[in-house]
């Protein structure tokens, strides 16, 4: 059996940032497990720019952003195993993994950091009529074909879903010579960043149809077209609004699912909305010594925020290994009304610093007020010119506020239009 102080599962931006922070905090024995053939995660296929503006203060491509952390991992001599699949985590924090070089690995860890990222929701999760014709794929798969493998998935494209990867692929396919007929979005608002709507759709005159979905896919061997239709407030197609669009490719950008099979199997509590673990301010789960960060915890809009959150998890894991993290009473957080979720979901009352709460709203707002309350006390009230589902928001709870709370208090965040 191998023994490490910290085992990080996932070698993408979250896993590398967490491992580097743990090393900075004084932990020497660290192992990263990555199932792909190299470190870097999904960033390796994201050749567009827009990364690093928050963290580095400059605009980088995905591979450039990842390379900065890969270099640091190598400089710090942090051990890692690529092409290695984690299979199981036990109750006493033993990680079972496998690769073709070592065979079955049994690794005892004092602390584990979950950084497995997320995957795209497939066609099978959607109720769309039609045959299993070729030309239907997720936007991320198309991105890999174009940016890594050098293949064009098609020439006339319809994109279902306006998540960031779908918007980015609308631009990418256009630049490669394809005709993107439209982007359809089931909701009455886009789930992508505003800058991506402007730079990827508006700049290329690609239409975005809100409250619209694909109701039928045509073609037997290859997609020949799709039928789209407007939907009502219950997201049901409205009869008489159907329209046929000829195309040979349908790209799906219909949401991301955190890769939490390992998390669920070990009995860690999951949040109903995020589908990630329930965590405290150091991103520790209810399973002692197991931490979670990045897109496996909740889907982020910017990789810069993934990095910052993962550093928090890395510091938390280091404190746990070093015996600095003590058990204490908790207060909990709760999103009310338009606030869909808050991370972290609980805060230790003996926390020594300020706590940043991340949250997302479920609709678009202009000139709204974000209110943070505990009981009848208003802790924070601030005006926001714009709130959107595709953009993560945050508020900071000062340590001085935490010291005044009683056990089992609830911090609520609401939005008033």
Protein backbone atom coordinates (compact mmCIF):
# COMPACT_ATOMS: atom_id res chain seq x y z
CA UNK A 1 0.00 0.00 0.00
CA UNK A 2 1.16 3.51 -0.87
CA UNK A 3 0.85 6.27 1.75
CA UNK A 4 0.37 9.98 1.10
CA UNK A 5 -0.76 12.91 3.21
CA UNK A 6 -3.00 14.22 0.42
CA UNK A 7 -4.33 12.46 -2.68
CA UNK A 8 -5.89 14.73 -5.32
CA UNK A 9 -8.27 13.02 -7.74
CA UNK A 10 -8.21 15.01 -10.96
CA UNK A 11 -5.31 16.78 -12.65
CA UNK A 12 -7.16 19.65 -14.28
CA UNK A 13 -7.00 23.28 -13.16
CA UNK A 14 -8.82 22.50 -9.90
CA UNK A 15 -6.64 19.55 -8.89
CA UNK A 16 -3.37 21.29 -9.74
CA UNK A 17 -4.32 24.50 -7.91
CA UNK A 18 -5.38 22.53 -4.82
CA UNK A 19 -2.16 20.48 -4.80
CA UNK A 20 0.03 23.57 -5.23
CA UNK A 21 -1.72 25.38 -2.38
CA UNK A 22 -1.34 22.37 -0.10
CA UNK A 23 2.38 22.29 -0.91
CA UNK A 24 2.60 26.02 -0.19
CA UNK A 25 0.99 25.35 3.20
CA UNK A 26 3.76 22.88 4.07
CA UNK A 27 2.48 19.46 2.97
CA UNK A 28 5.22 17.50 1.20
CA UNK A 29 3.53 14.15 0.54
CA UNK A 30 1.02 14.82 -2.27
CA UNK A 31 -0.14 12.65 -5.18
CA UNK A 32 -2.32 13.73 -8.12
CA UNK A 33 -4.29 11.08 -10.03
CA UNK A 34 -5.40 12.03 -13.56
CA UNK A 35 -7.32 9.69 -15.88
CA UNK A 36 -6.24 11.48 -19.09
CA UNK A 37 -2.82 11.03 -20.67
CA UNK A 38 -1.60 14.43 -19.45
CA UNK A 39 -2.35 17.07 -16.85
CA UNK A 40 -4.49 20.06 -17.80
CA UNK A 41 -8.01 18.67 -18.01
CA UNK A 42 -10.51 20.15 -20.45
CA UNK A 43 -8.36 23.27 -20.91
CA UNK A 44 -6.17 21.38 -23.38
CA UNK A 45 -8.91 21.57 -26.01
CA UNK A 46 -10.05 25.13 -25.20
CA UNK A 47 -7.77 26.98 -27.61
CA UNK A 48 -9.80 30.22 -27.47
CA UNK A 49 -8.66 33.08 -25.27
CA UNK A 50 -10.45 34.61 -22.27
CA UNK A 51 -8.76 32.65 -19.49
CA UNK A 52 -6.67 34.22 -16.74
CA UNK A 53 -8.11 37.74 -16.74
CA UNK A 54 -9.10 37.49 -13.06
CA UNK A 55 -6.21 35.40 -11.75
CA UNK A 56 -3.22 36.46 -13.87
CA UNK A 57 -4.49 39.84 -15.07
CA UNK A 58 -3.87 38.87 -18.69
CA UNK A 59 -5.72 37.03 -21.42
CA UNK A 60 -4.57 33.46 -22.07
CA UNK A 61 -5.78 30.48 -24.07
CA UNK A 62 -6.84 27.33 -22.23
CA UNK A 63 -3.59 25.42 -22.92
CA UNK A 64 -1.53 28.47 -21.87
CA UNK A 65 -3.46 28.73 -18.60
CA UNK A 66 -3.03 25.01 -17.89
CA UNK A 67 0.66 25.09 -18.82
CA UNK A 68 1.42 27.66 -16.13
CA UNK A 69 0.14 25.27 -13.47
CA UNK A 70 1.72 22.19 -15.04
CA UNK A 71 5.08 23.95 -14.87
CA UNK A 72 4.53 24.82 -11.22
CA UNK A 73 3.57 21.21 -10.40
CA UNK A 74 6.82 20.03 -11.99
CA UNK A 75 8.88 22.76 -10.33
CA UNK A 76 7.45 21.84 -6.92
CA UNK A 77 8.12 18.16 -7.67
CA UNK A 78 4.56 17.18 -6.82
CA UNK A 79 4.02 13.54 -7.76
CA UNK A 80 1.33 12.67 -10.28
CA UNK A 81 0.12 9.64 -12.18
CA UNK A 82 -1.61 10.15 -15.53
CA UNK A 83 -3.69 7.63 -17.46
CA UNK A 84 -4.86 6.53 -14.01
CA UNK A 85 -8.50 5.96 -13.09
CA UNK A 86 -9.67 6.27 -9.48
CA UNK A 87 -12.13 3.47 -8.82
CA UNK A 88 -13.19 3.78 -5.20
CA UNK A 89 -12.77 5.70 -1.97
CA UNK A 90 -13.29 3.76 1.25
CA UNK A 91 -14.65 4.94 4.60
CA UNK A 92 -11.10 5.15 5.99
CA UNK A 93 -9.84 7.22 3.02
CA UNK A 94 -8.12 4.50 1.02
CA UNK A 95 -8.17 5.27 -2.71
CA UNK A 96 -8.23 2.39 -5.18
CA UNK A 97 -7.00 3.31 -8.67
CA UNK A 98 -5.74 1.50 -11.74
CA UNK A 99 -3.40 2.14 -14.66
CA UNK A 100 -1.61 -0.01 -17.22
CA UNK A 101 1.82 0.52 -15.65
CA UNK A 102 1.20 -0.14 -11.95
CA UNK A 103 -1.94 -2.24 -12.22
CA UNK A 104 -4.23 -1.89 -9.20
CA UNK A 105 -3.12 0.80 -6.75
CA UNK A 106 -4.10 0.93 -3.09
CA UNK A 107 -3.33 4.35 -1.62
CA UNK A 108 -3.86 5.36 2.00
CA UNK A 109 -4.50 9.11 2.28
CA UNK A 110 -4.82 11.33 5.32
CA UNK A 111 -6.89 13.72 3.21
CA UNK A 112 -8.47 13.49 -0.24
CA UNK A 113 -9.35 16.34 -2.58
CA UNK A 114 -12.04 15.60 -5.16
CA UNK A 115 -11.40 17.55 -8.38
CA UNK A 116 -12.90 15.33 -11.07
CA UNK A 117 -14.62 18.13 -13.00
CA UNK A 118 -17.85 17.62 -14.92
CA UNK A 119 -19.22 16.08 -18.11
CA UNK A 120 -21.77 17.23 -20.65
CA UNK A 121 -25.38 16.15 -20.53
CA UNK A 122 -25.93 13.72 -23.45
CA UNK A 123 -28.76 13.39 -25.96
CA UNK A 124 -30.14 10.47 -23.98
CA UNK A 125 -31.12 12.90 -21.21
CA UNK A 126 -33.29 14.88 -23.63
CA UNK A 127 -36.75 13.99 -24.90
CA UNK A 128 -36.20 14.64 -28.62
CA UNK A 129 -37.83 12.51 -31.31
CA UNK A 130 -35.73 11.16 -34.16
CA UNK A 131 -33.39 8.35 -35.15
CA UNK A 132 -29.84 7.72 -33.97
CA UNK A 133 -28.38 9.45 -37.03
CA UNK A 134 -24.75 10.55 -37.17
CA UNK A 135 -24.06 14.26 -36.79
CA UNK A 136 -25.53 14.57 -33.28
CA UNK A 137 -22.94 15.25 -30.60
CA UNK A 138 -22.17 17.40 -27.59
CA UNK A 139 -20.49 20.75 -28.18
CA UNK A 140 -17.46 19.57 -26.21
CA UNK A 141 -17.06 16.52 -28.44
CA UNK A 142 -17.16 18.76 -31.50
CA UNK A 143 -14.57 21.01 -29.84
CA UNK A 144 -12.23 18.05 -29.42
CA UNK A 145 -12.75 16.96 -33.03
CA UNK A 146 -11.90 20.43 -34.36
CA UNK A 147 -9.21 21.60 -31.94
CA UNK A 148 -7.39 18.37 -31.08
CA UNK A 149 -8.11 15.86 -33.85
CA UNK A 150 -8.41 18.26 -36.79
CA UNK A 151 -11.79 17.00 -38.04
CA UNK A 152 -14.82 19.08 -39.01
CA UNK A 153 -18.05 17.56 -37.64
CA UNK A 154 -20.23 19.15 -40.30
CA UNK A 155 -20.94 22.10 -42.59
CA UNK A 156 -24.45 23.25 -41.67
CA UNK A 157 -24.94 23.40 -37.91
CA UNK A 158 -27.74 23.96 -35.40
CA UNK A 159 -26.79 24.32 -31.74
CA UNK A 160 -29.24 23.46 -28.97
CA UNK A 161 -28.45 25.23 -25.72
CA UNK A 162 -26.68 28.53 -25.12
CA UNK A 163 -24.16 27.44 -22.50
CA UNK A 164 -20.69 28.93 -22.88
CA UNK A 165 -19.26 25.94 -24.73
CA UNK A 166 -22.14 26.04 -27.22
CA UNK A 167 -21.61 29.76 -27.83
CA UNK A 168 -17.86 29.30 -28.24
CA UNK A 169 -18.39 26.44 -30.70
CA UNK A 170 -20.80 28.58 -32.74
CA UNK A 171 -17.89 30.95 -33.35
CA UNK A 172 -15.35 28.18 -33.80
CA UNK A 173 -17.41 26.33 -36.42
CA UNK A 174 -18.00 29.61 -38.27
CA UNK A 175 -14.29 30.40 -38.31
CA UNK A 176 -13.62 26.93 -39.74
CA UNK A 177 -16.01 27.54 -42.62
CA UNK A 178 -19.25 25.99 -41.40
CA UNK A 179 -22.60 27.77 -41.51
CA UNK A 180 -24.20 27.98 -38.05
CA UNK A 181 -27.89 28.36 -38.76
CA UNK A 182 -28.93 29.30 -35.22
CA UNK A 183 -28.57 28.68 -31.50
CA UNK A 184 -31.76 27.57 -29.73
CA UNK A 185 -32.29 28.04 -26.00
CA UNK A 186 -35.13 26.42 -24.05
CA UNK A 187 -35.09 29.08 -21.34
CA UNK A 188 -36.12 32.73 -21.86
CA UNK A 189 -32.52 33.75 -21.16
CA UNK A 190 -29.07 32.53 -22.16
CA UNK A 191 -27.08 30.47 -19.66
CA UNK A 192 -23.77 31.75 -21.08
CA UNK A 193 -21.61 34.74 -20.23
CA UNK A 194 -22.68 38.04 -21.79
CA UNK A 195 -19.27 38.50 -23.38
CA UNK A 196 -19.64 35.15 -25.17
CA UNK A 197 -23.08 36.09 -26.53
CA UNK A 198 -21.60 39.29 -27.94
CA UNK A 199 -18.29 37.91 -29.22
CA UNK A 200 -19.50 34.52 -30.47
CA UNK A 201 -23.01 35.23 -31.78
CA UNK A 202 -23.59 38.95 -32.30
CA UNK A 203 -20.20 39.54 -33.94
CA UNK A 204 -20.92 36.77 -36.47
CA UNK A 205 -24.64 37.50 -37.00
CA UNK A 206 -25.66 34.11 -35.63
CA UNK A 207 -29.28 34.24 -34.40
CA UNK A 208 -30.14 33.21 -30.82
CA UNK A 209 -33.72 31.96 -30.41
CA UNK A 210 -34.82 32.07 -26.77
CA UNK A 211 -37.73 29.99 -25.43
CA UNK A 212 -37.12 27.62 -28.34
CA UNK A 213 -36.16 23.96 -28.53
CA UNK A 214 -35.64 21.12 -31.01
CA UNK A 215 -38.70 18.88 -31.20
CA UNK A 216 -37.66 16.53 -34.00
CA UNK A 217 -34.44 15.36 -35.65
CA UNK A 218 -34.65 14.28 -39.30
CA UNK A 219 -32.42 11.85 -41.16
CA UNK A 220 -31.66 8.15 -40.93
CA UNK A 221 -27.94 7.65 -41.57
CA UNK A 222 -26.99 11.33 -41.24
CA UNK A 223 -28.89 14.32 -39.86
CA UNK A 224 -30.65 16.17 -42.68
CA UNK A 225 -32.47 18.77 -40.60
CA UNK A 226 -34.26 19.58 -37.36
CA UNK A 227 -37.65 20.96 -36.44
CA UNK A 228 -37.60 23.71 -33.83
CA UNK A 229 -40.55 25.20 -31.96
CA UNK A 230 -41.25 27.92 -29.43
CA UNK A 231 -42.10 26.82 -25.88
CA UNK A 232 -44.53 28.21 -23.31
CA UNK A 233 -43.83 29.20 -19.69
CA UNK A 234 -43.91 25.49 -18.76
CA UNK A 235 -41.25 24.75 -21.43
CA UNK A 236 -43.70 22.78 -23.57
CA UNK A 237 -43.68 23.20 -27.37
CA UNK A 238 -46.41 25.50 -28.66
CA UNK A 239 -48.39 23.88 -31.50
CA UNK A 240 -48.20 25.83 -34.74
CA UNK A 241 -44.77 27.37 -34.05
CA UNK A 242 -42.76 24.51 -35.60
CA UNK A 243 -40.13 25.40 -38.19
CA UNK A 244 -37.85 23.14 -40.21
CA UNK A 245 -34.14 24.00 -40.52
CA UNK A 246 -31.90 22.09 -42.89
CA UNK A 247 -28.59 21.02 -41.32
CA UNK A 248 -26.16 18.11 -41.20
CA UNK A 249 -25.02 18.59 -37.58
CA UNK A 250 -26.75 19.16 -34.25
CA UNK A 251 -24.53 20.22 -31.35
CA UNK A 252 -25.87 19.91 -27.81
CA UNK A 253 -24.88 22.40 -25.13
CA UNK A 254 -27.57 21.53 -22.62
CA UNK A 255 -25.81 21.58 -19.28
CA UNK A 256 -22.95 20.05 -17.34
CA UNK A 257 -23.08 17.26 -14.76
CA UNK A 258 -20.47 17.12 -11.96
CA UNK A 259 -18.59 13.78 -12.01
CA UNK A 260 -19.71 12.66 -8.56
CA UNK A 261 -19.91 8.88 -8.87
CA UNK A 262 -17.01 8.43 -6.40
CA UNK A 263 -18.52 11.05 -4.11
CA UNK A 264 -21.91 9.36 -4.07
CA UNK A 265 -20.47 5.87 -3.59
CA UNK A 266 -18.64 6.82 -0.38
CA UNK A 267 -21.83 8.30 1.09
CA UNK A 268 -21.02 12.01 0.92
CA UNK A 269 -24.04 14.32 1.11
CA UNK A 270 -24.89 15.96 -2.24
CA UNK A 271 -26.64 19.26 -2.85
CA UNK A 272 -29.92 18.82 -4.71
CA UNK A 273 -29.34 21.84 -6.97
CA UNK A 274 -25.60 21.78 -7.70
CA UNK A 275 -25.34 17.95 -7.78
CA UNK A 276 -22.03 18.49 -5.96
CA UNK A 277 -21.05 17.80 -2.37
CA UNK A 278 -22.32 19.80 0.60
CA UNK A 279 -19.22 21.56 1.96
CA UNK A 280 -18.02 24.03 4.58
CA UNK A 281 -15.94 27.16 3.98
CA UNK A 282 -12.76 25.07 3.51
CA UNK A 283 -14.66 22.83 1.07
CA UNK A 284 -14.64 19.83 3.42
CA UNK A 285 -17.52 17.41 2.94
CA UNK A 286 -19.37 15.54 5.68
CA UNK A 287 -16.83 12.72 5.20
CA UNK A 288 -13.90 13.68 7.42
CA UNK A 289 -10.75 14.49 5.48
CA UNK A 290 -12.46 14.55 2.06
CA UNK A 291 -12.63 17.92 0.29
CA UNK A 292 -14.18 18.95 -3.05
CA UNK A 293 -13.50 21.83 -5.41
CA UNK A 294 -13.95 23.07 -8.95
CA UNK A 295 -16.65 21.86 -11.32
CA UNK A 296 -17.18 18.62 -9.42
CA UNK A 297 -18.52 20.81 -6.60
CA UNK A 298 -20.55 23.26 -8.68
CA UNK A 299 -20.25 24.38 -12.28
CA UNK A 300 -18.22 27.59 -12.58
CA UNK A 301 -18.35 30.23 -15.29
CA UNK A 302 -14.63 31.14 -15.15
CA UNK A 303 -11.60 28.89 -14.63
CA UNK A 304 -10.07 31.71 -12.59
CA UNK A 305 -12.76 31.13 -9.94
CA UNK A 306 -12.08 27.38 -10.11
CA UNK A 307 -8.45 28.13 -9.25
CA UNK A 308 -9.28 30.36 -6.30
CA UNK A 309 -11.81 27.93 -4.86
CA UNK A 310 -9.40 25.01 -5.27
CA UNK A 311 -6.73 26.91 -3.37
CA UNK A 312 -9.23 27.16 -0.53
CA UNK A 313 -9.71 23.37 -0.63
CA UNK A 314 -5.95 22.82 -0.77
CA UNK A 315 -5.45 25.00 2.30
CA UNK A 316 -8.30 23.20 4.07
CA UNK A 317 -6.79 19.78 3.33
CA UNK A 318 -3.38 20.97 4.55
CA UNK A 319 -4.91 22.29 7.80
CA UNK A 320 -6.68 18.95 8.28
CA UNK A 321 -3.47 16.94 7.76
CA UNK A 322 -1.57 19.25 10.10
CA UNK A 323 -4.22 19.01 12.82
CA UNK A 324 -5.18 22.68 12.60
CA UNK A 325 -8.78 22.17 11.52
CA UNK A 326 -11.04 21.65 14.53
CA UNK A 327 -14.61 20.47 14.78
CA UNK A 328 -17.09 23.18 15.69
CA UNK A 329 -20.73 24.12 15.47
CA UNK A 330 -22.04 25.24 12.08
CA UNK A 331 -24.30 27.85 10.67
CA UNK A 332 -25.91 27.09 7.33
CA UNK A 333 -26.58 29.09 4.17
CA UNK A 334 -29.77 29.14 2.14
CA UNK A 335 -30.78 30.67 -1.17
CA UNK A 336 -34.29 32.12 -1.18
CA UNK A 337 -36.53 32.81 -4.17
CA UNK A 338 -34.47 33.56 -7.26
CA UNK A 339 -31.20 32.47 -5.59
CA UNK A 340 -30.83 28.87 -6.74
CA UNK A 341 -27.93 27.79 -4.53
CA UNK A 342 -25.09 28.98 -2.30
CA UNK A 343 -21.62 27.46 -1.82
CA UNK A 344 -20.46 26.77 0.84
CA UNK A 345 -23.64 25.38 2.37
CA UNK A 346 -22.29 25.60 5.94
CA UNK A 347 -19.72 27.65 7.87
CA UNK A 348 -17.76 26.76 11.00
CA UNK A 349 -18.50 29.21 13.80
CA UNK A 350 -14.84 29.23 14.88
CA UNK A 351 -13.65 30.16 11.39
CA UNK A 352 -10.74 32.57 11.65
CA UNK A 353 -11.28 34.66 8.51
CA UNK A 354 -13.89 36.16 6.25
CA UNK A 355 -16.01 33.78 4.15
CA UNK A 356 -16.96 34.38 0.51
CA UNK A 357 -20.34 32.95 -0.45
CA UNK A 358 -20.84 32.10 -4.12
CA UNK A 359 -24.36 31.97 -5.54
CA UNK A 360 -26.32 31.89 -8.78
CA UNK A 361 -29.70 33.34 -9.64
CA UNK A 362 -32.38 31.61 -11.65
CA UNK A 363 -33.44 34.57 -13.78
CA UNK A 364 -32.13 37.82 -15.19
CA UNK A 365 -32.43 41.03 -13.16
CA UNK A 366 -31.57 44.67 -13.75
CA UNK A 367 -30.91 47.14 -10.94
CA UNK A 368 -31.75 44.53 -8.31
CA UNK A 369 -30.82 44.48 -4.62
CA UNK A 370 -28.97 41.52 -3.13
CA UNK A 371 -29.83 41.11 0.55
CA UNK A 372 -28.01 38.89 3.03
CA UNK A 373 -29.90 38.28 6.26
CA UNK A 374 -29.65 36.20 9.42
CA UNK A 375 -32.99 36.05 11.18
CA UNK A 376 -34.34 39.59 11.28
CA UNK A 377 -30.90 41.19 10.88
CA UNK A 378 -29.85 42.52 7.47
CA UNK A 379 -26.12 41.83 7.14
CA UNK A 380 -25.55 43.11 3.60
CA UNK A 381 -27.69 45.04 1.15
CA UNK A 382 -26.15 46.07 -2.16
CA UNK A 383 -27.40 47.16 -5.54
CA UNK A 384 -26.36 45.18 -8.61
CA UNK A 385 -26.88 46.66 -12.09
CA UNK A 386 -27.35 43.20 -13.59
CA UNK A 387 -27.72 39.62 -12.43
CA UNK A 388 -27.85 36.65 -14.82
CA UNK A 389 -27.98 32.85 -14.44
CA UNK A 390 -24.81 32.41 -16.49
CA UNK A 391 -22.67 34.57 -14.21
CA UNK A 392 -21.69 33.59 -10.68
CA UNK A 393 -22.11 36.18 -7.93
CA UNK A 394 -20.54 36.43 -4.49
CA UNK A 395 -20.81 38.25 -1.19
CA UNK A 396 -18.32 38.33 1.67
CA UNK A 397 -19.36 37.54 5.25
CA UNK A 398 -16.97 39.31 7.59
CA UNK A 399 -15.47 37.33 10.44
CA UNK A 400 -16.85 39.91 12.89
CA UNK A 401 -20.36 38.98 11.71
CA UNK A 402 -19.74 35.26 12.20
CA UNK A 403 -18.76 35.72 15.83
CA UNK A 404 -22.20 37.14 16.62
CA UNK A 405 -24.14 34.17 15.24
CA UNK A 406 -25.57 31.38 17.36
CA UNK A 407 -25.32 27.68 16.56
CA UNK A 408 -27.69 26.53 13.79
CA UNK A 409 -28.32 30.07 12.56
CA UNK A 410 -29.21 30.39 8.87
CA UNK A 411 -27.73 32.98 6.51
CA UNK A 412 -30.15 33.69 3.66
CA UNK A 413 -29.50 35.47 0.36
CA UNK A 414 -32.41 36.99 -1.56
CA UNK A 415 -32.75 39.19 -4.63
CA UNK A 416 -35.26 42.04 -4.71
CA UNK A 417 -36.07 43.39 -8.16
